């Protein structure tokens, strides 16, 4: 009976599974500076970056008007005719043997003046050893998550686009499953004169179709994000700032390891007297930059204070919170690479390939009727 009770408790512990990558870091390091803010909601994998280009800019970006279909699923308002027939395939070699794969595809329909984007996200946690709470092993099991999404956007006036994404998400853990229907709603403002782009999006609004545990209401990973992009006319540089968790001020983890106790009185003498205003503020921000060399090569770098604050090893922060990327534009192809540092335990690598299908091959007369070979001018694109 003790074994069955332990297994039931195991099924309810969803936090470790949703942040298994973080757990791998913990195994490699002694004493983290803090823990992640996740684990309180179902479908947390929907917060993960969907491409190396996005990862290189901090893992979130709702304002980039790059010629990259991946950003259309960061903010549906960024989908536009200029991304017509672009296919993106991405692979993330995550921690502890976990793999994350993404597919994105864009298509513009002239008749209804609507640009569509389709996405598939699949997260494979690999083989996991099944144990009870005292370490007895009972074999292995597999866990995985996936999400299907379709986005649509339209223009409004000269400088605005608006869009929405509908998603179906499913998660499997041991013999427990969960599924949900969610939606993102976004707006984008772009100005070709000032070279400023602003995006705002409400993500992961929806409801659960099936919960991991019967009778338990599991909240979904809602977020409200705002981003701004600025490009310079005489300098091939773009600067980004993204603000997340706009609906919640304090996302700082109160780490017990930071508490210093007075031996005589037994009271905390350090952290409770501090407001940590600056840390609480900047944990909402992601700062990024992208420098373009000619028309072919783009170098990206970013800093995410939330990642550094949660996952940096105490007294040895190293490169935690930083991300770097390289993009190569070959006209018909785009190749993207990102190296992301979550903690001093090591970085992980992401690879992506974008293909302009209408430039690679045609579909004859049937394709012409469906605008397969059409190349649309992209007024929003920032190269």
Protein backbone atom coordinates (compact mmCIF):
# COMPACT_ATOMS: atom_id res chain seq x y z
CA UNK A 1 0.00 0.00 0.00
CA UNK A 2 2.84 2.36 0.76
CA UNK A 3 4.12 1.94 -2.77
CA UNK A 4 0.73 2.79 -4.30
CA UNK A 5 0.34 5.82 -2.06
CA UNK A 6 3.78 7.01 -3.11
CA UNK A 7 2.87 6.57 -6.76
CA UNK A 8 -0.29 8.62 -6.29
CA UNK A 9 1.71 11.38 -4.67
CA UNK A 10 4.15 11.12 -7.54
CA UNK A 11 1.39 11.66 -10.12
CA UNK A 12 0.31 14.87 -8.40
CA UNK A 13 3.77 16.36 -8.36
CA UNK A 14 3.64 18.14 -11.69
CA UNK A 15 6.22 20.79 -10.95
CA UNK A 16 9.31 18.64 -11.49
CA UNK A 17 8.08 17.45 -14.84
CA UNK A 18 7.24 20.88 -16.18
CA UNK A 19 10.68 22.15 -15.29
CA UNK A 20 12.69 19.01 -15.81
CA UNK A 21 15.39 20.97 -17.58
CA UNK A 22 15.90 23.02 -14.44
CA UNK A 23 16.09 19.87 -12.35
CA UNK A 24 18.94 18.68 -14.53
CA UNK A 25 20.84 21.84 -13.71
CA UNK A 26 20.24 21.28 -10.01
CA UNK A 27 21.78 17.84 -10.26
CA UNK A 28 24.93 19.32 -11.77
CA UNK A 29 25.34 22.23 -9.37
CA UNK A 30 25.58 22.74 -5.66
CA UNK A 31 23.19 25.35 -4.30
CA UNK A 32 21.25 27.47 -6.76
CA UNK A 33 20.84 31.16 -6.18
CA UNK A 34 17.09 30.76 -6.62
CA UNK A 35 14.45 28.52 -8.14
CA UNK A 36 12.20 29.04 -11.11
CA UNK A 37 8.87 30.86 -10.85
CA UNK A 38 7.18 28.09 -12.85
CA UNK A 39 5.61 24.87 -11.71
CA UNK A 40 2.40 26.46 -10.47
CA UNK A 41 0.52 26.05 -13.74
CA UNK A 42 -0.20 23.35 -16.27
CA UNK A 43 1.23 23.48 -19.80
CA UNK A 44 4.31 25.42 -18.71
CA UNK A 45 6.12 24.18 -21.82
CA UNK A 46 4.17 26.80 -23.79
CA UNK A 47 6.50 29.41 -22.30
CA UNK A 48 9.53 27.89 -24.03
CA UNK A 49 11.13 29.57 -27.01
CA UNK A 50 9.98 28.27 -30.39
CA UNK A 51 13.17 28.97 -32.38
CA UNK A 52 16.90 29.70 -32.01
CA UNK A 53 16.34 33.24 -33.30
CA UNK A 54 13.87 33.90 -30.48
CA UNK A 55 16.17 32.22 -27.94
CA UNK A 56 19.08 34.40 -29.02
CA UNK A 57 16.94 37.43 -28.20
CA UNK A 58 16.17 36.24 -24.67
CA UNK A 59 13.47 33.60 -25.18
CA UNK A 60 10.64 36.09 -25.71
CA UNK A 61 10.16 38.73 -28.38
CA UNK A 62 6.82 40.19 -29.42
CA UNK A 63 8.06 43.14 -31.51
CA UNK A 64 10.65 41.82 -33.96
CA UNK A 65 9.72 42.33 -37.61
CA UNK A 66 12.56 40.15 -38.88
CA UNK A 67 11.96 38.02 -41.95
CA UNK A 68 11.43 34.97 -39.73
CA UNK A 69 8.19 33.03 -39.43
CA UNK A 70 9.01 32.07 -35.82
CA UNK A 71 8.04 35.54 -34.54
CA UNK A 72 4.52 35.12 -35.91
CA UNK A 73 3.89 32.62 -33.11
CA UNK A 74 5.42 34.93 -30.51
CA UNK A 75 2.89 37.58 -31.45
CA UNK A 76 0.21 36.70 -34.05
CA UNK A 77 0.11 40.34 -35.19
CA UNK A 78 3.64 39.87 -36.58
CA UNK A 79 2.31 37.45 -39.22
CA UNK A 80 2.06 39.29 -42.55
CA UNK A 81 2.01 38.67 -46.35
CA UNK A 82 5.81 39.05 -46.52
CA UNK A 83 6.14 35.72 -44.68
CA UNK A 84 4.05 33.90 -47.28
CA UNK A 85 5.14 30.30 -47.88
CA UNK A 86 7.98 30.35 -45.36
CA UNK A 87 8.58 27.09 -43.49
CA UNK A 88 10.63 26.98 -40.29
CA UNK A 89 12.09 23.84 -38.71
CA UNK A 90 13.88 24.07 -35.38
CA UNK A 91 15.60 21.65 -33.03
CA UNK A 92 16.63 22.36 -29.45
CA UNK A 93 19.19 20.07 -27.80
CA UNK A 94 17.95 20.78 -24.28
CA UNK A 95 19.36 19.63 -20.96
CA UNK A 96 19.38 16.02 -19.66
CA UNK A 97 18.58 14.47 -23.02
CA UNK A 98 15.38 16.48 -23.44
CA UNK A 99 14.61 17.51 -27.04
CA UNK A 100 12.33 20.27 -28.27
CA UNK A 101 11.19 20.48 -31.88
CA UNK A 102 9.18 23.22 -33.58
CA UNK A 103 7.61 23.71 -36.98
CA UNK A 104 6.13 26.96 -38.29
CA UNK A 105 4.56 27.74 -41.65
CA UNK A 106 3.03 30.93 -43.06
CA UNK A 107 0.52 31.45 -45.86
CA UNK A 108 -1.25 34.56 -47.09
CA UNK A 109 -4.78 34.51 -48.51
CA UNK A 110 -5.41 37.54 -50.73
CA UNK A 111 -9.16 37.00 -51.08
CA UNK A 112 -9.81 37.57 -47.39
CA UNK A 113 -6.77 39.82 -46.81
CA UNK A 114 -5.60 37.55 -44.01
CA UNK A 115 -2.19 36.07 -43.28
CA UNK A 116 -2.12 32.68 -41.57
CA UNK A 117 0.57 30.89 -39.56
CA UNK A 118 0.58 27.27 -38.44
CA UNK A 119 2.75 25.81 -35.70
CA UNK A 120 3.64 22.48 -34.10
CA UNK A 121 5.64 22.20 -30.89
CA UNK A 122 6.83 18.86 -29.52
CA UNK A 123 8.76 18.33 -26.30
CA UNK A 124 10.18 14.88 -25.57
CA UNK A 125 11.46 14.28 -22.03
CA UNK A 126 12.97 10.91 -22.94
CA UNK A 127 13.07 7.88 -20.67
CA UNK A 128 12.58 8.64 -16.96
CA UNK A 129 13.27 6.26 -14.09
CA UNK A 130 10.19 5.56 -12.00
CA UNK A 131 10.89 5.61 -8.25
CA UNK A 132 9.02 5.97 -5.00
CA UNK A 133 9.81 8.54 -2.31
CA UNK A 134 12.59 6.41 -0.78
CA UNK A 135 14.39 5.71 -4.06
CA UNK A 136 13.15 2.23 -4.97
CA UNK A 137 13.09 1.83 -8.76
CA UNK A 138 10.15 0.31 -10.67
CA UNK A 139 11.30 0.64 -14.28
CA UNK A 140 11.02 3.59 -16.65
CA UNK A 141 8.33 5.66 -18.31
CA UNK A 142 8.11 8.38 -20.93
CA UNK A 143 6.72 11.90 -20.80
CA UNK A 144 5.99 14.34 -23.61
CA UNK A 145 4.12 17.53 -24.49
CA UNK A 146 2.87 18.91 -27.78
CA UNK A 147 0.89 21.89 -29.03
CA UNK A 148 -0.82 22.68 -32.33
CA UNK A 149 -1.52 26.28 -33.23
CA UNK A 150 -3.04 28.38 -36.00
CA UNK A 151 -2.69 32.17 -36.12
CA UNK A 152 -4.37 34.80 -38.27
CA UNK A 153 -3.61 38.48 -38.69
CA UNK A 154 -4.90 41.46 -40.65
CA UNK A 155 -3.81 45.03 -41.16
CA UNK A 156 -5.58 48.10 -39.86
CA UNK A 157 -4.76 51.46 -41.34
CA UNK A 158 -1.16 52.22 -42.28
CA UNK A 159 0.78 51.31 -39.16
CA UNK A 160 -1.19 48.62 -37.36
CA UNK A 161 -1.69 44.87 -37.49
CA UNK A 162 -3.76 42.72 -35.16
CA UNK A 163 -4.00 38.97 -34.81
CA UNK A 164 -4.99 35.97 -32.75
CA UNK A 165 -3.69 32.44 -32.23
CA UNK A 166 -5.74 29.40 -31.31
CA UNK A 167 -3.84 26.52 -29.67
CA UNK A 168 -4.50 22.98 -28.58
CA UNK A 169 -2.02 21.68 -26.00
CA UNK A 170 -1.63 18.14 -24.69
CA UNK A 171 0.65 16.73 -22.00
CA UNK A 172 1.41 13.17 -20.95
CA UNK A 173 3.09 12.14 -17.69
CA UNK A 174 3.26 8.51 -16.61
CA UNK A 175 -0.43 7.50 -16.74
CA UNK A 176 -1.75 11.05 -16.30
CA UNK A 177 -2.78 13.27 -19.20
CA UNK A 178 -3.94 16.84 -19.56
CA UNK A 179 -5.17 18.94 -22.47
CA UNK A 180 -6.28 22.52 -22.97
CA UNK A 181 -7.52 25.02 -25.53
CA UNK A 182 -5.77 28.38 -25.40
CA UNK A 183 -5.58 31.64 -27.33
CA UNK A 184 -3.17 34.52 -27.83
CA UNK A 185 -4.29 38.00 -28.90
CA UNK A 186 -1.75 40.54 -30.14
CA UNK A 187 -1.34 43.98 -31.69
CA UNK A 188 1.65 45.45 -33.51
CA UNK A 189 2.46 49.06 -34.38
CA UNK A 190 5.17 49.68 -36.98
CA UNK A 191 6.53 52.93 -38.40
CA UNK A 192 8.88 52.76 -41.39
CA UNK A 193 9.93 56.39 -40.89
CA UNK A 194 11.03 56.25 -37.26
CA UNK A 195 11.97 52.56 -37.56
CA UNK A 196 10.16 51.79 -34.32
CA UNK A 197 8.00 48.72 -33.76
CA UNK A 198 5.85 48.04 -30.70
CA UNK A 199 4.03 44.82 -29.92
CA UNK A 200 1.75 43.74 -27.11
CA UNK A 201 0.23 40.30 -26.65
CA UNK A 202 -1.88 38.44 -24.09
CA UNK A 203 -0.82 34.78 -24.15
CA UNK A 204 -2.29 31.46 -23.14
CA UNK A 205 -5.82 32.50 -22.25
CA UNK A 206 -8.15 29.54 -22.22
CA UNK A 207 -9.49 26.54 -20.36
CA UNK A 208 -8.57 22.94 -19.64
CA UNK A 209 -10.33 20.10 -21.37
CA UNK A 210 -8.79 17.48 -19.11
CA UNK A 211 -6.72 17.86 -15.94
CA UNK A 212 -3.84 15.73 -14.72
CA UNK A 213 -5.82 14.87 -11.60
CA UNK A 214 -9.59 14.64 -11.47
CA UNK A 215 -11.22 17.30 -9.36
CA UNK A 216 -8.18 19.60 -9.43
CA UNK A 217 -8.37 22.92 -11.22
CA UNK A 218 -5.01 23.64 -12.83
CA UNK A 219 -4.39 27.23 -14.01
CA UNK A 220 -2.80 27.84 -17.41
CA UNK A 221 0.42 29.86 -18.00
CA UNK A 222 -1.14 33.22 -18.85
CA UNK A 223 1.19 36.11 -19.56
CA UNK A 224 0.92 39.71 -20.73
CA UNK A 225 3.94 40.92 -22.69
CA UNK A 226 5.04 44.22 -24.24
CA UNK A 227 7.96 44.70 -26.59
CA UNK A 228 9.67 47.51 -28.49
CA UNK A 229 12.19 47.41 -31.32
CA UNK A 230 14.31 50.33 -32.54
CA UNK A 231 16.46 50.30 -35.65
CA UNK A 232 18.90 53.06 -36.61
CA UNK A 233 18.90 54.58 -40.10
CA UNK A 234 22.66 54.80 -40.49
CA UNK A 235 23.71 51.88 -38.34
CA UNK A 236 22.89 48.18 -38.97
CA UNK A 237 21.80 47.70 -35.38
CA UNK A 238 18.47 46.88 -33.79
CA UNK A 239 17.78 47.16 -30.08
CA UNK A 240 15.02 45.26 -28.27
CA UNK A 241 13.32 45.48 -24.92
CA UNK A 242 10.65 42.98 -23.88
CA UNK A 243 8.62 43.21 -20.67
CA UNK A 244 6.79 40.11 -19.41
CA UNK A 245 4.49 39.30 -16.47
CA UNK A 246 2.93 42.76 -16.73
CA UNK A 247 -0.02 41.59 -14.65
CA UNK A 248 2.14 40.72 -11.62
CA UNK A 249 4.69 42.97 -9.93
CA UNK A 250 6.65 40.65 -7.65
CA UNK A 251 7.96 37.60 -9.53
CA UNK A 252 11.08 37.34 -7.39
CA UNK A 253 11.63 34.02 -5.64
CA UNK A 254 12.16 34.39 -1.89
CA UNK A 255 15.15 32.08 -1.56
CA UNK A 256 15.63 30.61 1.94
CA UNK A 257 19.36 30.28 1.20
CA UNK A 258 19.63 34.09 1.22
CA UNK A 259 18.35 34.35 4.79
CA UNK A 260 20.92 35.16 7.43
CA UNK A 261 19.73 34.23 10.91
CA UNK A 262 20.87 35.87 14.11
CA UNK A 263 22.12 33.01 16.30
CA UNK A 264 21.03 34.67 19.55
CA UNK A 265 17.58 35.88 18.55
CA UNK A 266 16.84 33.34 15.80
CA UNK A 267 15.47 36.08 13.54
CA UNK A 268 16.27 37.01 9.96
CA UNK A 269 18.69 39.94 9.89
CA UNK A 270 19.06 40.47 6.16
CA UNK A 271 16.49 39.82 3.47
CA UNK A 272 13.30 40.94 5.24
CA UNK A 273 14.74 44.43 5.66
CA UNK A 274 15.41 44.79 1.93
CA UNK A 275 12.84 45.76 -0.67
CA UNK A 276 14.77 44.42 -3.69
CA UNK A 277 13.00 47.03 -5.83
CA UNK A 278 15.57 47.03 -8.65
CA UNK A 279 15.69 43.23 -8.83
CA UNK A 280 11.89 42.96 -8.84
CA UNK A 281 11.71 45.56 -11.61
CA UNK A 282 14.37 44.18 -13.95
CA UNK A 283 13.21 40.57 -13.64
CA UNK A 284 10.40 41.68 -15.93
CA UNK A 285 12.82 42.85 -18.64
CA UNK A 286 14.71 41.17 -21.46
CA UNK A 287 17.22 43.29 -23.37
CA UNK A 288 18.55 42.29 -26.77
CA UNK A 289 20.51 43.58 -29.74
CA UNK A 290 21.04 42.41 -33.30
CA UNK A 291 23.85 43.59 -35.55
CA UNK A 292 23.65 42.94 -39.28
CA UNK A 293 26.75 42.39 -41.40
CA UNK A 294 25.71 43.20 -44.96
CA UNK A 295 22.52 41.44 -46.00
CA UNK A 296 23.58 37.92 -45.14
CA UNK A 297 24.77 37.65 -41.56
CA UNK A 298 23.14 38.75 -38.30
CA UNK A 299 24.68 38.51 -34.84
CA UNK A 300 22.35 38.54 -31.81
CA UNK A 301 22.86 38.86 -28.07
CA UNK A 302 20.52 39.29 -25.12
CA UNK A 303 20.25 39.37 -21.35
CA UNK A 304 17.37 37.93 -19.32
CA UNK A 305 17.44 39.00 -15.66
CA UNK A 306 14.77 36.48 -14.66
CA UNK A 307 16.87 33.57 -15.92
CA UNK A 308 19.95 34.87 -14.14
CA UNK A 309 18.12 35.59 -10.90
CA UNK A 310 16.46 32.17 -10.78
CA UNK A 311 19.18 29.88 -12.06
CA UNK A 312 22.56 31.45 -11.38
CA UNK A 313 24.72 29.52 -8.93
CA UNK A 314 25.42 31.58 -5.84
CA UNK A 315 28.87 33.27 -5.91
CA UNK A 316 29.47 31.88 -9.40
CA UNK A 317 26.95 33.42 -11.80
CA UNK A 318 29.17 33.09 -14.89
CA UNK A 319 27.13 33.69 -18.09
CA UNK A 320 23.73 32.78 -16.66
CA UNK A 321 20.99 34.83 -18.31
CA UNK A 322 22.93 35.59 -21.50
CA UNK A 323 22.12 34.27 -24.97
CA UNK A 324 23.91 34.60 -28.30
CA UNK A 325 22.90 33.83 -31.85
CA UNK A 326 24.00 33.73 -35.45
CA UNK A 327 21.79 33.98 -38.52
CA UNK A 328 22.77 33.46 -42.16
CA UNK A 329 20.40 34.51 -44.95
CA UNK A 330 20.94 32.54 -48.17
CA UNK A 331 17.93 33.98 -50.00
CA UNK A 332 16.05 30.70 -50.31
CA UNK A 333 17.22 29.52 -46.90
CA UNK A 334 17.87 31.01 -43.48
CA UNK A 335 20.10 29.19 -41.02
CA UNK A 336 19.86 30.11 -37.32
CA UNK A 337 21.92 29.05 -34.35
CA UNK A 338 21.64 30.02 -30.68
CA UNK A 339 23.67 29.27 -27.59
CA UNK A 340 21.76 29.90 -24.37
CA UNK A 341 23.26 30.06 -20.88
CA UNK A 342 20.75 29.26 -18.15
CA UNK A 343 23.40 28.70 -15.47
CA UNK A 344 27.05 27.84 -14.94
CA UNK A 345 26.05 24.17 -15.35
CA UNK A 346 26.48 24.79 -19.06
CA UNK A 347 24.79 26.14 -22.15
CA UNK A 348 22.54 24.39 -24.63
CA UNK A 349 22.44 24.74 -28.41
CA UNK A 350 19.58 25.34 -30.83
CA UNK A 351 19.51 24.98 -34.59
CA UNK A 352 16.94 26.18 -37.07
CA UNK A 353 16.32 26.23 -40.81
CA UNK A 354 13.82 28.47 -42.59
CA UNK A 355 12.90 27.78 -46.21
CA UNK A 356 11.11 29.97 -48.75
CA UNK A 357 9.03 27.23 -50.38
CA UNK A 358 7.79 29.45 -53.21
CA UNK A 359 11.42 30.13 -54.19
CA UNK A 360 12.47 26.49 -53.95
CA UNK A 361 9.86 24.89 -56.20
CA UNK A 362 6.60 25.65 -57.96
CA UNK A 363 3.32 23.81 -58.34
CA UNK A 364 2.57 24.62 -61.96
CA UNK A 365 -0.73 26.16 -63.01
CA UNK A 366 -2.45 24.88 -59.90
CA UNK A 367 0.09 26.69 -57.75
CA UNK A 368 -0.43 29.93 -59.65
CA UNK A 369 -4.16 29.83 -58.92
CA UNK A 370 -3.37 29.47 -55.21
CA UNK A 371 -0.73 32.25 -55.25
CA UNK A 372 1.91 29.68 -54.35
CA UNK A 373 4.69 31.50 -56.19
CA UNK A 374 3.68 34.99 -55.14
CA UNK A 375 6.33 37.08 -53.41
CA UNK A 376 4.77 39.89 -51.38
CA UNK A 377 6.59 43.12 -50.53
CA UNK A 378 7.30 43.31 -46.82
CA UNK A 379 6.95 46.85 -45.52
CA UNK A 380 7.40 45.69 -41.94
CA UNK A 381 10.65 43.80 -42.49
CA UNK A 382 13.70 45.10 -40.64
CA UNK A 383 16.90 43.70 -42.07
